[in-house]
Amino acid sequence: MKFACVCQSGLVTSFMVQMNLQSILQEEGVTEDITIEHMDVGSATPDAADYFFVESTLTAALPNIPAEKIAALTSIIDKDVAREALNKVLDKENISHN
């Protein structure tokens, strides 16, 4: 499974979300093979990832991504917000976590 963290420029913000998700996966004890990358809005295509984690105000910038593949984050710095979004995806995909 592949996750993409998306921000306007594909640099700092998306990388921070990527680091948070990687940390949460470890904390949650996820053993599933999940790849996480970060990218800019222009690089986000439907086939680039299974799920796209993006700050909620940027979801409109991803019109070609199906809504069910977008995990909108109300805060990019709050790890609990990222954990909630990630756990929803894990539950949807029946991936075991703590």
PDB file of N, CA and C in Angstrom:
ATOM      1  N   MET A   1       0.839  -1.164   0.000  1.00  0.00           N
ATOM      2  CA  MET A   1       0.000   0.000   0.000  1.00  0.00           C
ATOM      3  C   MET A   1       0.889   1.233   0.000  1.00  0.00           C
ATOM      4  N   LYS A   2       0.399   2.280  -0.649  1.00  0.00           N
ATOM      5  CA  LYS A   2       1.202   3.497  -0.760  1.00  0.00           C
ATOM      6  C   LYS A   2       0.376   4.705  -0.327  1.00  0.00           C
ATOM      7  N   PHE A   3       0.983   5.533   0.532  1.00  0.00           N
ATOM      8  CA  PHE A   3       0.385   6.791   0.972  1.00  0.00           C
ATOM      9  C   PHE A   3       1.220   7.938   0.416  1.00  0.00           C
ATOM     10  N   ALA A   4       0.538   9.014   0.062  1.00  0.00           N
ATOM     11  CA  ALA A   4       1.219  10.230  -0.380  1.00  0.00           C
ATOM     12  C   ALA A   4       0.806  11.377   0.534  1.00  0.00           C
ATOM     13  N   CYS A   5       1.776  12.130   0.966  1.00  0.00           N
ATOM     14  CA  CYS A   5       1.539  13.338   1.748  1.00  0.00           C
ATOM     15  C   CYS A   5       1.722  14.495   0.779  1.00  0.00           C
ATOM     16  N   VAL A   6       0.699  15.325   0.665  1.00  0.00           N
ATOM     17  CA  VAL A   6       0.682  16.343  -0.377  1.00  0.00           C
ATOM     18  C   VAL A   6       0.598  17.741   0.229  1.00  0.00           C
ATOM     19  N   CYS A   7       1.418  18.638  -0.302  1.00  0.00           N
ATOM     20  CA  CYS A   7       1.311  20.060   0.046  1.00  0.00           C
ATOM     21  C   CYS A   7       1.537  20.873  -1.221  1.00  0.00           C
ATOM     22  N   GLN A   8       1.424  22.163  -1.101  1.00  0.00           N
ATOM     23  CA  GLN A   8       1.525  23.040  -2.278  1.00  0.00           C
ATOM     24  C   GLN A   8       2.839  22.856  -3.032  1.00  0.00           C
ATOM     25  N   SER A   9       3.952  22.864  -2.305  1.00  0.00           N
ATOM     26  CA  SER A   9       5.256  22.783  -2.975  1.00  0.00           C
ATOM     27  C   SER A   9       5.908  21.404  -2.903  1.00  0.00           C
ATOM     28  N   GLY A  10       5.375  20.516  -2.065  1.00  0.00           N
ATOM     29  CA  GLY A  10       5.942  19.176  -1.952  1.00  0.00           C
ATOM     30  C   GLY A  10       7.203  19.109  -1.121  1.00  0.00           C
ATOM     31  N   LEU A  11       7.438  20.111  -0.293  1.00  0.00           N
ATOM     32  CA  LEU A  11       8.667  20.153   0.488  1.00  0.00           C
ATOM     33  C   LEU A  11       8.395  19.997   1.986  1.00  0.00           C
ATOM     34  N   VAL A  12       8.426  21.069   2.707  1.00  0.00           N
ATOM     35  CA  VAL A  12       8.430  21.023   4.170  1.00  0.00           C
ATOM     36  C   VAL A  12       7.152  20.430   4.770  1.00  0.00           C
ATOM     37  N   THR A  13       6.010  20.965   4.420  1.00  0.00           N
ATOM     38  CA  THR A  13       4.766  20.529   5.043  1.00  0.00           C
ATOM     39  C   THR A  13       4.487  19.057   4.782  1.00  0.00           C
ATOM     40  N   SER A  14       4.581  18.650   3.529  1.00  0.00           N
ATOM     41  CA  SER A  14       4.294  17.255   3.208  1.00  0.00           C
ATOM     42  C   SER A  14       5.322  16.322   3.834  1.00  0.00           C
ATOM     43  N   PHE A  15       6.565  16.770   3.934  1.00  0.00           N
ATOM     44  CA  PHE A  15       7.595  15.942   4.568  1.00  0.00           C
ATOM     45  C   PHE A  15       7.311  15.798   6.056  1.00  0.00           C
ATOM     46  N   MET A  16       6.836  16.860   6.702  1.00  0.00           N
ATOM     47  CA  MET A  16       6.494  16.794   8.121  1.00  0.00           C
ATOM     48  C   MET A  16       5.344  15.812   8.349  1.00  0.00           C
ATOM     49  N   VAL A  17       4.338  15.852   7.498  1.00  0.00           N
ATOM     50  CA  VAL A  17       3.221  14.908   7.608  1.00  0.00           C
ATOM     51  C   VAL A  17       3.728  13.486   7.389  1.00  0.00           C
ATOM     52  N   GLN A  18       4.617  13.296   6.422  1.00  0.00           N
ATOM     53  CA  GLN A  18       5.188  11.978   6.168  1.00  0.00           C
ATOM     54  C   GLN A  18       5.898  11.450   7.409  1.00  0.00           C
ATOM     55  N   MET A  19       6.707  12.280   8.035  1.00  0.00           N
ATOM     56  CA  MET A  19       7.433  11.857   9.240  1.00  0.00           C
ATOM     57  C   MET A  19       6.453  11.495  10.363  1.00  0.00           C
ATOM     58  N   ASN A  20       5.392  12.284  10.517  1.00  0.00           N
ATOM     59  CA  ASN A  20       4.382  11.976  11.530  1.00  0.00           C
ATOM     60  C   ASN A  20       3.704  10.641  11.255  1.00  0.00           C
ATOM     61  N   LEU A  21       3.327  10.403  10.008  1.00  0.00           N
ATOM     62  CA  LEU A  21       2.665   9.141   9.666  1.00  0.00           C
ATOM     63  C   LEU A  21       3.585   7.947   9.900  1.00  0.00           C
ATOM     64  N   GLN A  22       4.849   8.079   9.539  1.00  0.00           N
ATOM     65  CA  GLN A  22       5.795   6.982   9.768  1.00  0.00           C
ATOM     66  C   GLN A  22       5.922   6.696  11.259  1.00  0.00           C
ATOM     67  N   SER A  23       5.996   7.730  12.057  1.00  0.00           N
ATOM     68  CA  SER A  23       6.089   7.578  13.509  1.00  0.00           C
ATOM     69  C   SER A  23       4.832   6.920  14.073  1.00  0.00           C
ATOM     70  N   ILE A  24       3.679   7.351  13.610  1.00  0.00           N
ATOM     71  CA  ILE A  24       2.412   6.789  14.090  1.00  0.00           C
ATOM     72  C   ILE A  24       2.296   5.327  13.706  1.00  0.00           C
ATOM     73  N   LEU A  25       2.689   4.972  12.496  1.00  0.00           N
ATOM     74  CA  LEU A  25       2.636   3.555  12.081  1.00  0.00           C
ATOM     75  C   LEU A  25       3.465   2.696  13.034  1.00  0.00           C
ATOM     76  N   GLN A  26       4.635   3.186  13.432  1.00  0.00           N
ATOM     77  CA  GLN A  26       5.467   2.441  14.385  1.00  0.00           C
ATOM     78  C   GLN A  26       4.790   2.349  15.737  1.00  0.00           C
ATOM     79  N   GLU A  27       4.256   3.478  16.215  1.00  0.00           N
ATOM     80  CA  GLU A  27       3.579   3.502  17.511  1.00  0.00           C
ATOM     81  C   GLU A  27       2.361   2.592  17.528  1.00  0.00           C
ATOM     82  N   GLU A  28       1.674   2.508  16.400  1.00  0.00           N
ATOM     83  CA  GLU A  28       0.471   1.691  16.298  1.00  0.00           C
ATOM     84  C   GLU A  28       0.788   0.212  16.043  1.00  0.00           C
ATOM     85  N   GLY A  29       2.057  -0.105  15.874  1.00  0.00           N
ATOM     86  CA  GLY A  29       2.460  -1.492  15.673  1.00  0.00           C
ATOM     87  C   GLY A  29       2.046  -2.076  14.339  1.00  0.00           C
ATOM     88  N   VAL A  30       1.944  -1.245  13.331  1.00  0.00           N
ATOM     89  CA  VAL A  30       1.530  -1.703  12.001  1.00  0.00           C
ATOM     90  C   VAL A  30       2.685  -2.457  11.346  1.00  0.00           C
ATOM     91  N   THR A  31       2.399  -3.674  10.903  1.00  0.00           N
ATOM     92  CA  THR A  31       3.419  -4.493  10.256  1.00  0.00           C
ATOM     93  C   THR A  31       3.194  -4.603   8.745  1.00  0.00           C
ATOM     94  N   GLU A  32       2.080  -4.124   8.278  1.00  0.00           N
ATOM     95  CA  GLU A  32       1.766  -4.120   6.844  1.00  0.00           C
ATOM     96  C   GLU A  32       2.825  -3.314   6.091  1.00  0.00           C
ATOM     97  N   ASP A  33       3.135  -3.720   4.868  1.00  0.00           N
ATOM     98  CA  ASP A  33       4.103  -3.003   4.054  1.00  0.00           C
ATOM     99  C   ASP A  33       3.441  -1.750   3.479  1.00  0.00           C
ATOM    100  N   ILE A  34       3.771  -0.601   4.058  1.00  0.00           N
ATOM    101  CA  ILE A  34       3.205   0.673   3.618  1.00  0.00           C
ATOM    102  C   ILE A  34       4.347   1.623   3.266  1.00  0.00           C
ATOM    103  N   THR A  35       4.288   2.145   2.059  1.00  0.00           N
ATOM    104  CA  THR A  35       5.257   3.127   1.594  1.00  0.00           C
ATOM    105  C   THR A  35       4.628   4.510   1.726  1.00  0.00           C
ATOM    106  N   ILE A  36       5.415   5.459   2.226  1.00  0.00           N
ATOM    107  CA  ILE A  36       4.921   6.834   2.353  1.00  0.00           C
ATOM    108  C   ILE A  36       5.879   7.768   1.629  1.00  0.00           C
ATOM    109  N   GLU A  37       5.322   8.587   0.752  1.00  0.00           N
ATOM    110  CA  GLU A  37       6.104   9.577   0.023  1.00  0.00           C
ATOM    111  C   GLU A  37       5.465  10.942   0.207  1.00  0.00           C
ATOM    112  N   HIS A  38       6.220  11.988  -0.094  1.00  0.00           N
ATOM    113  CA  HIS A  38       5.631  13.324  -0.095  1.00  0.00           C
ATOM    114  C   HIS A  38       5.782  13.919  -1.487  1.00  0.00           C
ATOM    115  N   MET A  39       4.821  14.778  -1.844  1.00  0.00           N
ATOM    116  CA  MET A  39       4.809  15.348  -3.195  1.00  0.00           C
ATOM    117  C   MET A  39       4.054  16.666  -3.207  1.00  0.00           C
ATOM    118  N   ASP A  40       4.222  17.386  -4.314  1.00  0.00           N
ATOM    119  CA  ASP A  40       3.483  18.634  -4.491  1.00  0.00           C
ATOM    120  C   ASP A  40       2.131  18.338  -5.133  1.00  0.00           C
ATOM    121  N   VAL A  41       1.255  19.306  -5.086  1.00  0.00           N
ATOM    122  CA  VAL A  41      -0.106  19.151  -5.607  1.00  0.00           C
ATOM    123  C   VAL A  41      -0.100  18.724  -7.073  1.00  0.00           C
ATOM    124  N   GLY A  42       0.777  19.302  -7.878  1.00  0.00           N
ATOM    125  CA  GLY A  42       0.820  18.984  -9.298  1.00  0.00           C
ATOM    126  C   GLY A  42       1.236  17.557  -9.611  1.00  0.00           C
ATOM    127  N   SER A  43       1.947  16.921  -8.689  1.00  0.00           N
ATOM    128  CA  SER A  43       2.391  15.535  -8.892  1.00  0.00           C
ATOM    129  C   SER A  43       1.373  14.505  -8.422  1.00  0.00           C
ATOM    130  N   ALA A  44       0.339  14.962  -7.748  1.00  0.00           N
ATOM    131  CA  ALA A  44      -0.663  14.042  -7.197  1.00  0.00           C
ATOM    132  C   ALA A  44      -1.642  13.620  -8.283  1.00  0.00           C
ATOM    133  N   THR A  45      -1.465  12.397  -8.757  1.00  0.00           N
ATOM    134  CA  THR A  45      -2.367  11.808  -9.738  1.00  0.00           C
ATOM    135  C   THR A  45      -3.025  10.593  -9.107  1.00  0.00           C
ATOM    136  N   PRO A  46      -4.198  10.205  -9.569  1.00  0.00           N
ATOM    137  CA  PRO A  46      -4.914   9.096  -8.931  1.00  0.00           C
ATOM    138  C   PRO A  46      -4.102   7.812  -8.780  1.00  0.00           C
ATOM    139  N   ASP A  47      -3.190   7.560  -9.701  1.00  0.00           N
ATOM    140  CA  ASP A  47      -2.404   6.327  -9.633  1.00  0.00           C
ATOM    141  C   ASP A  47      -1.091   6.489  -8.856  1.00  0.00           C
ATOM    142  N   ALA A  48      -0.845   7.669  -8.304  1.00  0.00           N
ATOM    143  CA  ALA A  48       0.400   7.913  -7.569  1.00  0.00           C
ATOM    144  C   ALA A  48       0.402   7.269  -6.183  1.00  0.00           C
ATOM    145  N   ALA A  49      -0.788   7.023  -5.619  1.00  0.00           N
ATOM    146  CA  ALA A  49      -0.866   6.435  -4.278  1.00  0.00           C
ATOM    147  C   ALA A  49      -2.261   5.868  -4.053  1.00  0.00           C
ATOM    148  N   ASP A  50      -2.362   5.064  -3.012  1.00  0.00           N
ATOM    149  CA  ASP A  50      -3.668   4.518  -2.628  1.00  0.00           C
ATOM    150  C   ASP A  50      -4.468   5.545  -1.827  1.00  0.00           C
ATOM    151  N   TYR A  51      -3.768   6.333  -1.010  1.00  0.00           N
ATOM    152  CA  TYR A  51      -4.394   7.386  -0.205  1.00  0.00           C
ATOM    153  C   TYR A  51      -3.514   8.617  -0.195  1.00  0.00           C
ATOM    154  N   PHE A  52      -4.157   9.774  -0.143  1.00  0.00           N
ATOM    155  CA  PHE A  52      -3.466  11.055  -0.157  1.00  0.00           C
ATOM    156  C   PHE A  52      -3.810  11.819   1.120  1.00  0.00           C
ATOM    157  N   PHE A  53      -2.803  12.120   1.924  1.00  0.00           N
ATOM    158  CA  PHE A  53      -2.973  12.894   3.150  1.00  0.00           C
ATOM    159  C   PHE A  53      -2.634  14.338   2.817  1.00  0.00           C
ATOM    160  N   VAL A  54      -3.612  15.219   3.006  1.00  0.00           N
ATOM    161  CA  VAL A  54      -3.459  16.612   2.581  1.00  0.00           C
ATOM    162  C   VAL A  54      -4.179  17.525   3.568  1.00  0.00           C
ATOM    163  N   GLU A  55      -3.638  18.725   3.750  1.00  0.00           N
ATOM    164  CA  GLU A  55      -4.295  19.707   4.612  1.00  0.00           C
ATOM    165  C   GLU A  55      -5.645  20.028   3.988  1.00  0.00           C
ATOM    166  N   SER A  56      -6.673  20.121   4.802  1.00  0.00           N
ATOM    167  CA  SER A  56      -8.052  20.196   4.309  1.00  0.00           C
ATOM    168  C   SER A  56      -8.309  21.354   3.341  1.00  0.00           C
ATOM    169  N   THR A  57      -7.604  22.477   3.484  1.00  0.00           N
ATOM    170  CA  THR A  57      -7.835  23.589   2.559  1.00  0.00           C
ATOM    171  C   THR A  57      -7.269  23.336   1.168  1.00  0.00           C
ATOM    172  N   LEU A  58      -6.443  22.312   1.015  1.00  0.00           N
ATOM    173  CA  LEU A  58      -5.869  21.998  -0.298  1.00  0.00           C
ATOM    174  C   LEU A  58      -6.627  20.899  -1.049  1.00  0.00           C
ATOM    175  N   THR A  59      -7.660  20.342  -0.448  1.00  0.00           N
ATOM    176  CA  THR A  59      -8.373  19.253  -1.125  1.00  0.00           C
ATOM    177  C   THR A  59      -8.955  19.704  -2.465  1.00  0.00           C
ATOM    178  N   ALA A  60      -9.367  20.967  -2.564  1.00  0.00           N
ATOM    179  CA  ALA A  60      -9.911  21.484  -3.825  1.00  0.00           C
ATOM    180  C   ALA A  60      -8.852  21.532  -4.925  1.00  0.00           C
ATOM    181  N   ALA A  61      -7.578  21.524  -4.535  1.00  0.00           N
ATOM    182  CA  ALA A  61      -6.488  21.547  -5.511  1.00  0.00           C
ATOM    183  C   ALA A  61      -6.205  20.160  -6.080  1.00  0.00           C
ATOM    184  N   LEU A  62      -6.970  19.166  -5.623  1.00  0.00           N
ATOM    185  CA  LEU A  62      -6.797  17.786  -6.092  1.00  0.00           C
ATOM    186  C   LEU A  62      -8.078  17.280  -6.763  1.00  0.00           C
ATOM    187  N   PRO A  63      -8.566  17.979  -7.789  1.00  0.00           N
ATOM    188  CA  PRO A  63      -9.859  17.595  -8.378  1.00  0.00           C
ATOM    189  C   PRO A  63      -9.851  16.234  -9.073  1.00  0.00           C
ATOM    190  N   ASN A  64      -8.695  15.738  -9.463  1.00  0.00           N
ATOM    191  CA  ASN A  64      -8.631  14.453 -10.168  1.00  0.00           C
ATOM    192  C   ASN A  64      -8.506  13.256  -9.232  1.00  0.00           C
ATOM    193  N   ILE A  65      -8.335  13.529  -7.932  1.00  0.00           N
ATOM    194  CA  ILE A  65      -8.198  12.448  -6.952  1.00  0.00           C
ATOM    195  C   ILE A  65      -9.582  12.112  -6.403  1.00  0.00           C
ATOM    196  N   PRO A  66      -9.997  10.847  -6.490  1.00  0.00           N
ATOM    197  CA  PRO A  66     -11.305  10.473  -5.934  1.00  0.00           C
ATOM    198  C   PRO A  66     -11.382  10.815  -4.444  1.00  0.00           C
ATOM    199  N   ALA A  67     -12.512  11.346  -4.030  1.00  0.00           N
ATOM    200  CA  ALA A  67     -12.698  11.783  -2.635  1.00  0.00           C
ATOM    201  C   ALA A  67     -12.403  10.668  -1.634  1.00  0.00           C
ATOM    202  N   GLU A  68     -12.714   9.432  -1.986  1.00  0.00           N
ATOM    203  CA  GLU A  68     -12.493   8.313  -1.056  1.00  0.00           C
ATOM    204  C   GLU A  68     -11.008   7.997  -0.857  1.00  0.00           C
ATOM    205  N   LYS A  69     -10.160   8.585  -1.692  1.00  0.00           N
ATOM    206  CA  LYS A  69      -8.713   8.374  -1.557  1.00  0.00           C
ATOM    207  C   LYS A  69      -8.022   9.518  -0.813  1.00  0.00           C
ATOM    208  N   ILE A  70      -8.796  10.540  -0.426  1.00  0.00           N
ATOM    209  CA  ILE A  70      -8.226  11.709   0.244  1.00  0.00           C
ATOM    210  C   ILE A  70      -8.490  11.643   1.746  1.00  0.00           C
ATOM    211  N   ALA A  71      -7.419  11.776   2.513  1.00  0.00           N
ATOM    212  CA  ALA A  71      -7.510  11.885   3.972  1.00  0.00           C
ATOM    213  C   ALA A  71      -7.171  13.334   4.309  1.00  0.00           C
ATOM    214  N   ALA A  72      -8.216  14.131   4.531  1.00  0.00           N
ATOM    215  CA  ALA A  72      -8.029  15.560   4.796  1.00  0.00           C
ATOM    216  C   ALA A  72      -7.641  15.777   6.255  1.00  0.00           C
ATOM    217  N   LEU A  73      -6.614  16.588   6.455  1.00  0.00           N
ATOM    218  CA  LEU A  73      -6.119  16.893   7.801  1.00  0.00           C
ATOM    219  C   LEU A  73      -6.501  18.324   8.165  1.00  0.00           C
ATOM    220  N   THR A  74      -7.194  18.489   9.295  1.00  0.00           N
ATOM    221  CA  THR A  74      -7.588  19.834   9.728  1.00  0.00           C
ATOM    222  C   THR A  74      -6.409  20.594  10.309  1.00  0.00           C
ATOM    223  N   SER A  75      -5.351  19.884  10.655  1.00  0.00           N
ATOM    224  CA  SER A  75      -4.121  20.504  11.149  1.00  0.00           C
ATOM    225  C   SER A  75      -2.947  19.648  10.690  1.00  0.00           C
ATOM    226  N   ILE A  76      -1.936  20.289  10.145  1.00  0.00           N
ATOM    227  CA  ILE A  76      -0.782  19.520   9.679  1.00  0.00           C
ATOM    228  C   ILE A  76       0.265  19.336  10.770  1.00  0.00           C
ATOM    229  N   ILE A  77       0.143  20.088  11.858  1.00  0.00           N
ATOM    230  CA  ILE A  77       1.138  19.976  12.922  1.00  0.00           C
ATOM    231  C   ILE A  77       0.654  19.147  14.106  1.00  0.00           C
ATOM    232  N   ASP A  78      -0.631  18.878  14.164  1.00  0.00           N
ATOM    233  CA  ASP A  78      -1.195  18.115  15.277  1.00  0.00           C
ATOM    234  C   ASP A  78      -1.113  16.620  14.964  1.00  0.00           C
ATOM    235  N   LYS A  79      -0.278  15.926  15.691  1.00  0.00           N
ATOM    236  CA  LYS A  79      -0.068  14.498  15.448  1.00  0.00           C
ATOM    237  C   LYS A  79      -1.334  13.689  15.720  1.00  0.00           C
ATOM    238  N   ASP A  80      -2.163  14.155  16.648  1.00  0.00           N
ATOM    239  CA  ASP A  80      -3.414  13.447  16.934  1.00  0.00           C
ATOM    240  C   ASP A  80      -4.371  13.509  15.745  1.00  0.00           C
ATOM    241  N   VAL A  81      -4.376  14.619  15.025  1.00  0.00           N
ATOM    242  CA  VAL A  81      -5.200  14.742  13.822  1.00  0.00           C
ATOM    243  C   VAL A  81      -4.708  13.749  12.766  1.00  0.00           C
ATOM    244  N   ALA A  82      -3.393  13.665  12.605  1.00  0.00           N
ATOM    245  CA  ALA A  82      -2.822  12.712  11.646  1.00  0.00           C
ATOM    246  C   ALA A  82      -3.131  11.280  12.067  1.00  0.00           C
ATOM    247  N   ARG A  83      -3.045  10.997  13.373  1.00  0.00           N
ATOM    248  CA  ARG A  83      -3.334   9.651  13.880  1.00  0.00           C
ATOM    249  C   ARG A  83      -4.779   9.264  13.585  1.00  0.00           C
ATOM    250  N   GLU A  84      -5.705  10.187  13.811  1.00  0.00           N
ATOM    251  CA  GLU A  84      -7.116   9.906  13.557  1.00  0.00           C
ATOM    252  C   GLU A  84      -7.363   9.599  12.080  1.00  0.00           C
ATOM    253  N   ALA A  85      -6.791  10.416  11.199  1.00  0.00           N
ATOM    254  CA  ALA A  85      -6.956  10.200   9.760  1.00  0.00           C
ATOM    255  C   ALA A  85      -6.319   8.881   9.327  1.00  0.00           C
ATOM    256  N   LEU A  86      -5.132   8.607   9.836  1.00  0.00           N
ATOM    257  CA  LEU A  86      -4.435   7.374   9.490  1.00  0.00           C
ATOM    258  C   LEU A  86      -5.206   6.155   9.982  1.00  0.00           C
ATOM    259  N   ASN A  87      -5.694   6.212  11.207  1.00  0.00           N
ATOM    260  CA  ASN A  87      -6.434   5.069  11.750  1.00  0.00           C
ATOM    261  C   ASN A  87      -7.722   4.802  10.984  1.00  0.00           C
ATOM    262  N   LYS A  88      -8.365   5.850  10.469  1.00  0.00           N
ATOM    263  CA  LYS A  88      -9.556   5.654   9.635  1.00  0.00           C
ATOM    264  C   LYS A  88      -9.201   4.880   8.374  1.00  0.00           C
ATOM    265  N   VAL A  89      -8.069   5.234   7.766  1.00  0.00           N
ATOM    266  CA  VAL A  89      -7.622   4.533   6.562  1.00  0.00           C
ATOM    267  C   VAL A  89      -7.266   3.087   6.905  1.00  0.00           C
ATOM    268  N   LEU A  90      -6.539   2.886   7.986  1.00  0.00           N
ATOM    269  CA  LEU A  90      -6.159   1.523   8.389  1.00  0.00           C
ATOM    270  C   LEU A  90      -7.396   0.684   8.661  1.00  0.00           C
ATOM    271  N   ASP A  91      -8.379   1.254   9.346  1.00  0.00           N
ATOM    272  CA  ASP A  91      -9.613   0.515   9.620  1.00  0.00           C
ATOM    273  C   ASP A  91     -10.360   0.182   8.325  1.00  0.00           C
ATOM    274  N   LYS A  92     -10.426   1.151   7.413  1.00  0.00           N
ATOM    275  CA  LYS A  92     -11.098   0.936   6.135  1.00  0.00           C
ATOM    276  C   LYS A  92     -10.444  -0.202   5.359  1.00  0.00           C
ATOM    277  N   GLU A  93      -9.125  -0.310   5.458  1.00  0.00           N
ATOM    278  CA  GLU A  93      -8.389  -1.331   4.731  1.00  0.00           C
ATOM    279  C   GLU A  93      -8.179  -2.616   5.547  1.00  0.00           C
ATOM    280  N   ASN A  94      -8.804  -2.669   6.731  1.00  0.00           N
ATOM    281  CA  ASN A  94      -8.679  -3.833   7.625  1.00  0.00           C
ATOM    282  C   ASN A  94      -7.218  -4.147   7.968  1.00  0.00           C
ATOM    283  N   ILE A  95      -6.445  -3.102   8.233  1.00  0.00           N
ATOM    284  CA  ILE A  95      -5.053  -3.272   8.621  1.00  0.00           C
ATOM    285  C   ILE A  95      -4.968  -3.166  10.133  1.00  0.00           C
ATOM    286  N   SER A  96      -4.411  -4.183  10.731  1.00  0.00           N
ATOM    287  CA  SER A  96      -4.324  -4.268  12.191  1.00  0.00           C
ATOM    288  C   SER A  96      -3.410  -3.178  12.766  1.00  0.00           C
ATOM    289  N   HIS A  97      -3.897  -2.558  13.860  1.00  0.00           N
ATOM    290  CA  HIS A  97      -3.109  -1.542  14.568  1.00  0.00           C
ATOM    291  C   HIS A  97      -3.596  -1.479  16.006  1.00  0.00           C
ATOM    292  N   ASN A  98      -2.756  -0.876  16.877  1.00  0.00           N
ATOM    293  CA  ASN A  98      -3.125  -0.772  18.291  1.00  0.00           C
ATOM    294  C   ASN A  98      -4.186   0.270  18.526  1.00  0.00           C
TER     295      ASN A  98
END
